Protein backbone atom coordinates (compact mmCIF):
# COMPACT_ATOMS: atom_id res chain seq x y z
CA MET A 1 81.85 50.91 50.26
CA ALA A 2 81.89 53.37 47.30
CA GLY A 3 81.15 56.88 49.01
CA SER A 4 77.82 56.93 50.15
CA ALA A 5 76.51 54.04 49.34
CA LEU A 6 76.41 50.28 50.67
CA ARG A 7 76.61 46.72 49.53
CA LEU A 8 73.71 45.23 51.29
CA LEU A 9 73.02 41.05 51.03
CA THR A 10 70.38 39.70 52.92
CA TYR A 11 70.56 34.88 52.91
CA ASN A 12 68.92 32.36 54.16
CA ILE A 13 71.67 30.13 54.48
CA GLN A 14 69.60 26.75 55.56
CA VAL A 15 72.53 25.69 58.23
CA ALA A 16 74.45 25.11 55.23
CA ILE A 17 72.65 22.27 54.06
CA GLY A 18 72.58 22.90 50.46
CA SER A 19 69.08 21.40 49.65
CA ARG A 20 68.81 21.61 45.67
CA ARG A 21 65.78 19.49 45.29
CA TYR A 22 62.54 18.84 47.09
CA ARG A 23 63.25 15.36 47.85
CA HIS A 24 65.98 16.53 49.50
CA TYR A 25 63.96 18.18 52.31
CA VAL A 26 63.35 14.52 52.92
CA SER A 27 66.70 12.96 52.11
CA HIS A 28 69.34 15.32 53.37
CA GLY A 29 66.60 15.93 56.42
CA TRP A 30 68.77 14.29 59.18
CA LYS A 31 71.39 16.98 58.27
CA TYR A 32 69.09 19.49 60.38
CA VAL A 33 69.75 17.48 63.38
CA MET A 34 73.34 15.69 62.74
CA PRO A 35 77.05 16.91 61.85
CA HIS A 36 78.04 16.32 58.38
CA GLY A 37 80.83 16.60 56.12
CA GLN A 38 79.71 18.85 53.38
CA SER A 39 78.76 21.67 56.31
CA LEU A 40 82.56 23.25 56.19
CA HIS A 41 82.55 23.10 52.01
CA ASN A 42 79.11 25.18 51.65
CA LEU A 43 80.19 27.63 54.47
CA ASP A 44 83.25 28.47 52.23
CA ARG A 45 81.30 28.62 48.66
CA ILE A 46 78.83 30.99 50.46
CA ALA A 47 81.93 33.08 52.05
CA GLU A 48 83.24 33.24 48.67
CA LEU A 49 79.48 34.65 47.46
CA ILE A 50 79.24 37.34 50.59
CA ALA A 51 82.53 38.84 50.06
CA ASP A 52 82.07 41.73 48.28
CA PHE A 53 79.34 43.12 49.97
CA ASP A 54 79.27 45.42 52.74
CA ILE A 55 77.10 44.30 55.16
CA VAL A 56 75.20 40.83 55.06
CA GLY A 57 72.27 39.62 56.61
CA LEU A 58 71.99 35.91 57.49
CA GLN A 59 68.93 34.08 58.57
CA GLU A 60 68.94 30.16 59.97
CA ALA A 61 73.01 30.10 60.82
CA ASP A 62 73.51 28.08 63.21
CA GLY A 63 75.29 29.52 66.67
CA GLY A 64 77.35 26.55 67.37
CA SER A 65 75.92 23.50 68.07
CA PHE A 66 76.17 19.69 67.83
CA ARG A 67 74.55 19.35 64.33
CA THR A 68 77.74 21.72 62.99
CA ALA A 69 80.01 19.98 65.00
CA PHE A 70 79.89 23.57 67.08
CA VAL A 71 81.02 25.66 64.43
CA ASP A 72 79.61 29.07 64.92
CA GLN A 73 78.17 29.48 60.91
CA ALA A 74 78.12 33.60 61.53
CA ARG A 75 81.47 33.88 62.64
CA TYR A 76 83.01 30.83 60.12
CA LEU A 77 81.90 33.41 57.41
CA ALA A 78 83.12 36.43 58.94
CA SER A 79 86.33 35.34 59.74
CA SER A 80 86.53 33.35 55.67
CA ALA A 81 85.34 36.66 53.84
CA GLY A 82 86.85 39.09 56.03
CA TYR A 83 84.63 40.53 57.69
CA ARG A 84 85.64 43.01 60.92
CA PHE A 85 82.39 42.63 63.01
CA CYS A 86 80.12 39.85 63.70
CA GLU A 87 76.78 40.04 66.04
CA SER A 88 74.42 36.99 66.53
CA MET A 89 70.89 36.73 68.12
CA VAL A 90 70.10 33.06 69.34
CA THR A 91 66.03 33.07 68.17
CA ARG A 92 65.57 29.14 68.90
CA ASP A 93 67.89 27.81 71.37
CA PHE A 94 67.93 24.05 71.78
CA GLY A 95 70.90 23.85 73.97
CA ARG A 96 73.89 22.32 72.57
CA PHE A 97 71.37 20.30 69.81
CA ALA A 98 70.63 23.39 67.86
CA GLN A 99 70.91 27.21 67.55
CA HIS A 100 69.14 29.34 65.24
CA THR A 101 69.94 32.73 64.69
CA ASN A 102 69.71 35.64 62.78
CA SER A 103 73.25 37.54 62.17
CA LEU A 104 74.95 40.09 60.77
CA LEU A 105 78.32 40.86 59.61
CA SER A 106 79.75 44.38 58.55
CA ARG A 107 82.67 45.94 57.25
CA ILE A 108 81.55 49.09 59.18
CA PRO A 109 81.76 50.17 62.83
CA ILE A 110 78.53 49.02 64.49
CA GLN A 111 77.46 51.54 66.44
CA GLY A 112 75.30 49.93 68.81
CA ILE A 113 73.42 45.92 68.42
CA HIS A 114 69.91 45.57 70.10
CA GLU A 115 68.04 42.17 70.03
CA HIS A 116 64.30 42.06 69.69
CA ARG A 117 61.75 39.35 70.20
CA LEU A 118 58.68 38.77 67.90
CA PRO A 119 55.52 37.97 69.18
CA GLY A 120 54.20 34.77 68.48
CA ALA A 121 52.21 32.04 70.35
CA MET A 122 55.80 30.06 70.49
CA ASP A 123 58.91 31.76 70.83
CA GLY A 124 61.35 31.44 67.95
CA ARG A 125 61.55 34.57 65.73
CA GLY A 126 63.29 37.57 66.44
CA THR A 127 64.88 40.96 64.77
CA LEU A 128 68.37 41.78 65.08
CA GLU A 129 68.67 45.84 65.29
CA ALA A 130 72.71 47.11 63.97
CA ARG A 131 72.92 50.74 63.95
CA PHE A 132 75.87 52.24 61.91
CA ASN A 133 76.84 56.19 60.91
CA LEU A 134 76.78 56.45 57.59
CA ASP A 135 78.15 59.72 55.81
CA GLY A 136 77.84 61.18 59.43
CA ARG A 137 73.98 60.11 59.51
CA PRO A 138 72.59 57.62 61.88
CA LEU A 139 71.01 54.39 59.65
CA THR A 140 70.00 51.63 61.84
CA VAL A 141 69.70 47.72 59.97
CA PHE A 142 67.31 45.23 60.67
CA VAL A 143 67.91 41.55 59.83
CA THR A 144 64.59 39.39 60.58
CA HIS A 145 63.10 36.44 59.56
CA LEU A 146 59.12 35.83 59.86
CA ALA A 147 57.05 33.15 61.38
CA LEU A 148 55.14 30.82 58.70
CA ARG A 149 51.36 31.30 59.97
CA GLN A 150 50.14 34.50 58.59
CA ARG A 151 48.40 35.56 61.09
CA THR A 152 51.91 35.62 63.31
CA ARG A 153 53.50 37.11 60.63
CA LEU A 154 50.92 40.38 60.46
CA ARG A 155 51.23 40.52 64.44
CA GLN A 156 55.22 40.69 63.77
CA ALA A 157 55.37 42.93 60.96
CA ALA A 158 53.02 45.41 63.10
CA TYR A 159 55.67 45.30 65.84
CA LEU A 160 58.65 45.75 63.21
CA ALA A 161 56.95 48.72 62.01
CA GLN A 162 56.82 50.48 65.23
CA LEU A 163 60.80 49.38 66.17
CA VAL A 164 61.33 51.12 62.37
CA ARG A 165 59.62 54.80 63.22
CA ARG A 166 61.34 54.70 66.74
CA ALA A 167 64.47 53.86 64.63
CA GLY A 168 64.43 56.56 61.99
CA PRO A 169 66.11 56.00 58.49
CA SER A 170 66.13 52.65 58.24
CA VAL A 171 66.58 49.13 56.42
CA VAL A 172 64.64 45.97 56.95
CA MET A 173 65.67 42.81 55.23
CA GLY A 174 65.90 39.06 55.77
CA ASP A 175 63.28 36.00 55.31
CA PHE A 176 59.67 37.34 55.53
CA ASN A 177 57.65 34.09 54.58
CA ALA A 178 55.57 36.72 53.05
CA LYS A 179 55.08 37.52 48.76
CA PRO A 180 55.88 41.20 47.80
CA ARG A 181 51.70 42.28 47.73
CA SER A 182 51.20 40.27 51.14
CA PRO A 183 49.29 42.21 53.76
CA GLU A 184 52.12 41.93 56.00
CA ILE A 185 54.46 43.59 53.69
CA VAL A 186 51.41 46.32 53.01
CA GLN A 187 51.39 46.63 56.95
CA LEU A 188 55.11 47.40 56.73
CA SER A 189 54.52 49.84 53.97
CA ASP A 190 51.89 51.93 55.48
CA LYS A 191 52.99 51.91 59.15
CA ALA A 192 56.38 52.65 59.02
CA GLY A 193 56.89 53.93 55.30
CA LEU A 194 59.05 50.59 53.97
CA GLY A 195 59.67 50.14 50.20
CA MET A 196 60.75 47.60 47.95
CA ALA A 197 62.86 48.67 44.86
CA SER A 198 61.24 50.14 41.79
CA ARG A 199 62.15 46.66 39.79
CA PRO A 200 59.86 43.88 40.64
CA ALA A 201 60.64 41.33 43.08
CA HIS A 202 61.61 38.32 41.88
CA ALA A 203 61.30 34.49 43.44
CA THR A 204 63.66 33.29 45.80
CA LEU A 205 62.36 30.13 47.02
CA PRO A 206 63.19 27.39 46.03
CA SER A 207 66.33 28.24 44.99
CA TRP A 208 66.57 25.41 42.00
CA ARG A 209 63.25 26.52 40.71
CA PRO A 210 62.28 29.92 42.14
CA ARG A 211 58.26 30.33 42.53
CA VAL A 212 57.32 32.83 45.45
CA ALA A 213 59.60 35.99 46.49
CA VAL A 214 59.85 35.58 50.27
CA ASP A 215 63.04 37.16 50.92
CA HIS A 216 63.18 40.87 50.67
CA ILE A 217 65.14 44.05 51.22
CA LEU A 218 63.21 47.29 52.00
CA ALA A 219 64.16 50.87 53.16
CA THR A 220 62.78 53.65 54.56
CA PRO A 221 61.82 56.69 52.15
CA GLU A 222 65.13 58.72 52.96
CA LEU A 223 66.89 55.72 51.15
CA THR A 224 67.01 54.23 47.86
CA LEU A 225 67.53 50.26 46.73
CA GLU A 226 69.57 50.03 43.28
CA GLU A 227 70.85 46.85 41.92
CA TYR A 228 68.02 44.94 43.29
CA GLY A 229 67.83 41.24 42.85
CA PRO A 230 68.14 37.32 43.49
CA LEU A 231 71.90 36.01 43.19
CA PRO A 232 71.47 32.50 41.04
CA GLU A 233 73.49 30.65 43.58
CA LEU A 234 72.02 27.05 44.99
CA LEU A 235 73.69 26.91 48.14
CA SER A 236 70.48 26.81 50.11
CA ASP A 237 67.11 26.46 49.60
CA HIS A 238 66.69 30.08 49.41
CA LEU A 239 68.25 32.71 46.60
CA PRO A 240 70.47 35.37 48.09
CA VAL A 241 68.98 38.83 47.52
CA GLN A 242 71.13 41.71 47.04
CA ALA A 243 71.10 45.75 46.93
CA ILE A 244 72.60 48.95 46.87
CA VAL A 245 71.31 51.44 49.20
CA ARG A 246 72.52 55.25 49.50
CA TRP A 247 70.51 58.48 50.77
CA VAL A 248 68.04 59.66 48.67
CA ASP A 249 69.31 62.93 48.78
CA SER A 250 72.87 62.66 47.89
CA GLU A 251 71.69 60.77 44.86
CA ALA A 252 70.06 63.67 43.92
CA SER A 253 72.66 66.28 44.96
CA ALA A 254 75.28 64.04 42.74
CA THR A 255 72.58 64.47 39.44
CA GLU A 256 72.83 68.44 40.40
CA ALA A 257 76.27 68.49 40.52
CA ALA A 258 76.58 66.55 37.33
CA GLU A 259 74.10 68.69 35.51
CA ASP A 260 75.65 71.91 36.79
CA ALA A 261 79.53 71.07 35.84
CA LYS A 262 77.62 70.27 32.16
CA THR A 263 76.17 73.57 32.23
CA ALA A 264 80.00 75.32 33.32
CA SER A 265 81.52 73.50 30.03
CA ASP A 266 78.95 74.26 27.62
CA ALA A 267 79.51 77.73 28.83
CA GLU A 268 82.89 77.63 28.39
CA VAL A 269 82.53 76.71 24.43
CA PRO A 270 83.45 79.38 22.51
CA THR A 271 80.64 80.30 19.78
CA THR A 272 81.27 81.73 16.43
């Protein structure tokens, strides 16, 4: 972490299956339910990728079940990449056979953690809320994974907006299963003030031939997102998305300080 800036990453890791072709959804489909030897190797590669970030949000990380040889994937990544703090919320619990989670890894202390079940016809979607202190100010980070059906996503977006309004300055990141101009994203903007970075969103799915942007990092107006975009890493069927977040007024203060310093420097130049 540099000053008041935080480096963020959101990543749907697809249970470390590592699909790289459409046909892998069929030929590698058994890896969703059975352990396989490539899993730890894929996790090690993901750990190398995420090691430079301050806070990482993960979707589709298994919490430790039969299909991963009982490896808690988020905690494995936290240990391998040197993160002090790791929190997970089980969103789909199939007992010993599968444990879908939303997870958060952090290098800075977490002040509080809350789990929220998102509305839907079937249980299985959630949002993990983590509270931080950044420069003496509260900051909340939500890690989420929305439903496949738009009707359900609209209900979930409305619920998320309520959480954000209650939390204050916030970042929401994850797999939204929704495009940047979709009604769900518009709803989050209108009801909670959540916005994207100024640069256009890039496609993130499928990773080997990205066609749609469904993985996003959104922030409330007190925060600005910089260096936003996907990383071209084929370690999942999704591309990871990165951003640097900082306080808007901190950025303005830094600009004003630089301008004041330049003015003072110019004033010291003797005239002839």
